Amino acid sequence: MTEHESVRELEFVTRGACANTPILRANLNAALEALGLPAVYQVVDIDRLRASDVRRGYPTPTVLVRKHDLFGGMPEPVPPFPEPA
């Protein structure tokens, strides 16, 4: 797998009302740029996911790499998932 293929395994998990999304997204883009990598990642709106999707259990915003929490090291959530605050 090349570096560019691994970047495509990034997921930016958020929701529309998340106040911290712009800050984390800007930091993620800056980090990718500093590494010489393209800002290529999937933006996932947890409000559009099925209720059973484990990504609904992560706080927003969260960056997942290969389905693992990049910053907090949070383990994969287990249902029932908490309601967003």
N, C-alpha and C. Protein backbone atom coordinates (compact mmCIF):
# COMPACT_ATOMS: atom_id res chain seq x y z
N MET A 1 0.85 -1.18 0.00
CA MET A 1 0.00 0.00 0.00
C MET A 1 0.90 1.24 0.00
N THR A 2 0.57 2.18 -0.85
CA THR A 2 1.34 3.42 -0.91
C THR A 2 0.82 4.40 0.13
N GLU A 3 1.60 5.48 0.34
CA GLU A 3 1.17 6.51 1.29
C GLU A 3 -0.17 7.10 0.87
N HIS A 4 -0.34 7.31 -0.44
CA HIS A 4 -1.58 7.93 -0.93
C HIS A 4 -2.77 7.00 -0.76
N GLU A 5 -2.57 5.69 -0.88
CA GLU A 5 -3.65 4.76 -0.63
C GLU A 5 -4.05 4.77 0.84
N SER A 6 -3.06 4.89 1.73
CA SER A 6 -3.37 4.89 3.16
C SER A 6 -4.16 6.13 3.55
N VAL A 7 -3.93 7.26 2.87
CA VAL A 7 -4.68 8.49 3.17
C VAL A 7 -6.16 8.26 2.87
N ARG A 8 -6.47 7.47 1.88
CA ARG A 8 -7.88 7.20 1.55
C ARG A 8 -8.57 6.39 2.64
N GLU A 9 -7.82 5.85 3.56
CA GLU A 9 -8.40 5.11 4.67
C GLU A 9 -8.76 6.02 5.84
N LEU A 10 -8.62 7.32 5.66
CA LEU A 10 -9.01 8.30 6.67
C LEU A 10 -10.49 8.59 6.57
N GLU A 11 -11.13 8.68 7.72
CA GLU A 11 -12.53 9.10 7.78
C GLU A 11 -12.63 10.24 8.79
N PHE A 12 -13.27 11.30 8.39
CA PHE A 12 -13.52 12.44 9.27
C PHE A 12 -14.98 12.33 9.69
N VAL A 13 -15.20 11.94 10.93
CA VAL A 13 -16.56 11.67 11.44
C VAL A 13 -17.07 12.93 12.14
N THR A 14 -18.22 13.40 11.70
CA THR A 14 -18.76 14.64 12.25
C THR A 14 -20.28 14.65 12.13
N ARG A 15 -20.85 15.77 12.51
CA ARG A 15 -22.28 16.04 12.29
C ARG A 15 -22.40 17.53 12.06
N GLY A 16 -23.47 17.95 11.44
CA GLY A 16 -23.65 19.33 11.04
C GLY A 16 -23.53 20.36 12.16
N ALA A 17 -24.00 20.03 13.34
CA ALA A 17 -24.03 21.01 14.43
C ALA A 17 -22.78 20.99 15.30
N CYS A 18 -21.75 20.25 14.93
CA CYS A 18 -20.56 20.13 15.76
C CYS A 18 -19.71 21.39 15.64
N ALA A 19 -19.56 22.10 16.74
CA ALA A 19 -18.82 23.37 16.75
C ALA A 19 -17.33 23.18 16.53
N ASN A 20 -16.78 22.01 16.85
CA ASN A 20 -15.34 21.78 16.72
C ASN A 20 -14.92 21.24 15.36
N THR A 21 -15.88 20.95 14.49
CA THR A 21 -15.56 20.39 13.18
C THR A 21 -14.64 21.29 12.36
N PRO A 22 -14.91 22.59 12.22
CA PRO A 22 -14.02 23.41 11.38
C PRO A 22 -12.57 23.43 11.88
N ILE A 23 -12.39 23.45 13.19
CA ILE A 23 -11.04 23.49 13.76
C ILE A 23 -10.29 22.19 13.48
N LEU A 24 -10.91 21.06 13.78
CA LEU A 24 -10.23 19.79 13.57
C LEU A 24 -9.99 19.53 12.09
N ARG A 25 -10.95 19.89 11.25
CA ARG A 25 -10.77 19.67 9.82
C ARG A 25 -9.61 20.53 9.28
N ALA A 26 -9.51 21.76 9.72
CA ALA A 26 -8.39 22.61 9.31
C ALA A 26 -7.06 22.03 9.79
N ASN A 27 -7.02 21.53 11.02
CA ASN A 27 -5.80 20.92 11.54
C ASN A 27 -5.44 19.64 10.79
N LEU A 28 -6.44 18.84 10.45
CA LEU A 28 -6.19 17.63 9.67
C LEU A 28 -5.63 17.98 8.30
N ASN A 29 -6.23 18.95 7.64
CA ASN A 29 -5.74 19.36 6.32
C ASN A 29 -4.31 19.89 6.41
N ALA A 30 -4.02 20.68 7.43
CA ALA A 30 -2.67 21.23 7.61
C ALA A 30 -1.66 20.11 7.87
N ALA A 31 -2.04 19.12 8.66
CA ALA A 31 -1.14 18.01 8.96
C ALA A 31 -0.85 17.20 7.70
N LEU A 32 -1.88 16.93 6.92
CA LEU A 32 -1.67 16.19 5.67
C LEU A 32 -0.77 16.97 4.73
N GLU A 33 -0.99 18.28 4.64
CA GLU A 33 -0.16 19.12 3.78
C GLU A 33 1.29 19.11 4.26
N ALA A 34 1.51 19.22 5.56
CA ALA A 34 2.86 19.21 6.11
C ALA A 34 3.58 17.89 5.82
N LEU A 35 2.80 16.81 5.71
CA LEU A 35 3.38 15.50 5.39
C LEU A 35 3.52 15.28 3.89
N GLY A 36 3.08 16.26 3.12
CA GLY A 36 3.15 16.13 1.67
C GLY A 36 2.11 15.18 1.10
N LEU A 37 1.03 15.00 1.84
CA LEU A 37 -0.04 14.09 1.43
C LEU A 37 -1.26 14.89 0.99
N PRO A 38 -2.02 14.36 0.06
CA PRO A 38 -3.23 15.06 -0.36
C PRO A 38 -4.30 14.99 0.73
N ALA A 39 -5.13 16.00 0.79
CA ALA A 39 -6.23 16.03 1.75
C ALA A 39 -7.39 15.21 1.18
N VAL A 40 -7.17 13.90 1.14
CA VAL A 40 -8.15 12.98 0.59
C VAL A 40 -8.67 12.11 1.73
N TYR A 41 -9.92 12.31 2.08
CA TYR A 41 -10.54 11.51 3.13
C TYR A 41 -12.04 11.60 2.97
N GLN A 42 -12.72 10.65 3.56
CA GLN A 42 -14.17 10.62 3.51
C GLN A 42 -14.72 11.39 4.70
N VAL A 43 -15.65 12.29 4.44
CA VAL A 43 -16.36 12.99 5.51
C VAL A 43 -17.63 12.20 5.79
N VAL A 44 -17.78 11.76 7.02
CA VAL A 44 -18.91 10.93 7.41
C VAL A 44 -19.81 11.71 8.36
N ASP A 45 -21.05 11.95 7.94
CA ASP A 45 -22.04 12.60 8.79
C ASP A 45 -22.76 11.51 9.57
N ILE A 46 -22.50 11.44 10.88
CA ILE A 46 -23.07 10.32 11.64
C ILE A 46 -24.60 10.35 11.68
N ASP A 47 -25.19 11.50 11.45
CA ASP A 47 -26.65 11.56 11.44
C ASP A 47 -27.24 10.84 10.23
N ARG A 48 -26.43 10.55 9.23
CA ARG A 48 -26.90 9.85 8.03
C ARG A 48 -26.59 8.36 8.05
N LEU A 49 -25.94 7.89 9.09
CA LEU A 49 -25.59 6.48 9.18
C LEU A 49 -26.72 5.66 9.79
N ARG A 50 -26.73 4.38 9.46
CA ARG A 50 -27.70 3.47 10.09
C ARG A 50 -27.47 3.47 11.60
N ALA A 51 -28.52 3.20 12.34
CA ALA A 51 -28.42 3.19 13.80
C ALA A 51 -27.41 2.15 14.29
N SER A 52 -27.19 1.11 13.53
CA SER A 52 -26.28 0.03 13.94
C SER A 52 -24.82 0.29 13.58
N ASP A 53 -24.54 1.35 12.83
CA ASP A 53 -23.17 1.65 12.40
C ASP A 53 -22.34 2.08 13.60
N VAL A 54 -21.21 1.40 13.85
CA VAL A 54 -20.40 1.69 15.04
C VAL A 54 -19.85 3.11 15.04
N ARG A 55 -19.71 3.73 13.89
CA ARG A 55 -19.20 5.10 13.85
C ARG A 55 -20.13 6.08 14.55
N ARG A 56 -21.40 5.70 14.73
CA ARG A 56 -22.33 6.57 15.47
C ARG A 56 -21.96 6.68 16.94
N GLY A 57 -21.15 5.79 17.45
CA GLY A 57 -20.76 5.79 18.84
C GLY A 57 -19.56 6.68 19.16
N TYR A 58 -18.91 7.21 18.13
CA TYR A 58 -17.76 8.09 18.37
C TYR A 58 -18.23 9.52 18.63
N PRO A 59 -17.52 10.26 19.48
CA PRO A 59 -17.84 11.69 19.63
C PRO A 59 -17.44 12.42 18.36
N THR A 60 -18.02 13.58 18.14
CA THR A 60 -17.64 14.34 16.95
C THR A 60 -16.94 15.62 17.36
N PRO A 61 -15.98 16.03 16.55
CA PRO A 61 -15.45 15.30 15.40
C PRO A 61 -14.41 14.27 15.84
N THR A 62 -14.26 13.26 15.02
CA THR A 62 -13.27 12.21 15.24
C THR A 62 -12.62 11.90 13.90
N VAL A 63 -11.33 11.58 13.93
CA VAL A 63 -10.63 11.11 12.73
C VAL A 63 -10.33 9.64 12.94
N LEU A 64 -10.80 8.83 12.01
CA LEU A 64 -10.53 7.39 12.04
C LEU A 64 -9.52 7.04 10.96
N VAL A 65 -8.57 6.20 11.31
CA VAL A 65 -7.61 5.66 10.36
C VAL A 65 -7.74 4.15 10.41
N ARG A 66 -8.14 3.59 9.28
CA ARG A 66 -8.39 2.14 9.22
C ARG A 66 -9.34 1.72 10.34
N LYS A 67 -10.37 2.54 10.55
CA LYS A 67 -11.44 2.28 11.53
C LYS A 67 -11.01 2.45 12.98
N HIS A 68 -9.83 3.05 13.23
CA HIS A 68 -9.34 3.28 14.60
C HIS A 68 -9.23 4.78 14.85
N ASP A 69 -9.58 5.19 16.06
CA ASP A 69 -9.53 6.59 16.47
C ASP A 69 -8.08 7.07 16.45
N LEU A 70 -7.80 8.07 15.64
CA LEU A 70 -6.44 8.57 15.46
C LEU A 70 -5.90 9.27 16.69
N PHE A 71 -6.68 10.13 17.33
CA PHE A 71 -6.16 10.97 18.40
C PHE A 71 -6.42 10.43 19.80
N GLY A 72 -7.62 10.00 20.05
CA GLY A 72 -7.97 9.61 21.41
C GLY A 72 -7.71 8.15 21.73
N GLY A 73 -7.49 7.34 20.70
CA GLY A 73 -7.28 5.92 20.95
C GLY A 73 -8.51 5.23 21.51
N MET A 74 -9.67 5.85 21.30
CA MET A 74 -10.92 5.28 21.81
C MET A 74 -11.18 3.93 21.13
N PRO A 75 -11.52 2.90 21.89
CA PRO A 75 -11.84 1.62 21.27
C PRO A 75 -13.13 1.73 20.46
N GLU A 76 -13.32 0.81 19.55
CA GLU A 76 -14.54 0.82 18.74
C GLU A 76 -15.77 0.77 19.65
N PRO A 77 -16.70 1.70 19.46
CA PRO A 77 -17.88 1.74 20.32
C PRO A 77 -18.73 0.47 20.19
N VAL A 78 -19.41 0.17 21.27
CA VAL A 78 -20.28 -1.00 21.33
C VAL A 78 -21.69 -0.51 21.62
N PRO A 79 -22.70 -1.00 20.87
CA PRO A 79 -24.07 -0.57 21.14
C PRO A 79 -24.47 -0.93 22.56
N PRO A 80 -25.41 -0.22 23.16
CA PRO A 80 -26.14 0.92 22.59
C PRO A 80 -25.29 2.18 22.62
N PHE A 81 -25.41 2.97 21.57
CA PHE A 81 -24.62 4.18 21.44
C PHE A 81 -25.31 5.34 22.17
N PRO A 82 -24.53 6.21 22.81
CA PRO A 82 -25.13 7.36 23.50
C PRO A 82 -25.75 8.34 22.51
N GLU A 83 -26.75 9.03 22.94
CA GLU A 83 -27.36 10.07 22.12
C GLU A 83 -26.41 11.26 22.07
N PRO A 84 -26.33 11.96 20.93
CA PRO A 84 -25.45 13.13 20.85
C PRO A 84 -25.88 14.22 21.81
N ALA A 85 -24.89 14.91 22.34
CA ALA A 85 -25.19 16.01 23.28
C ALA A 85 -25.28 17.32 22.54
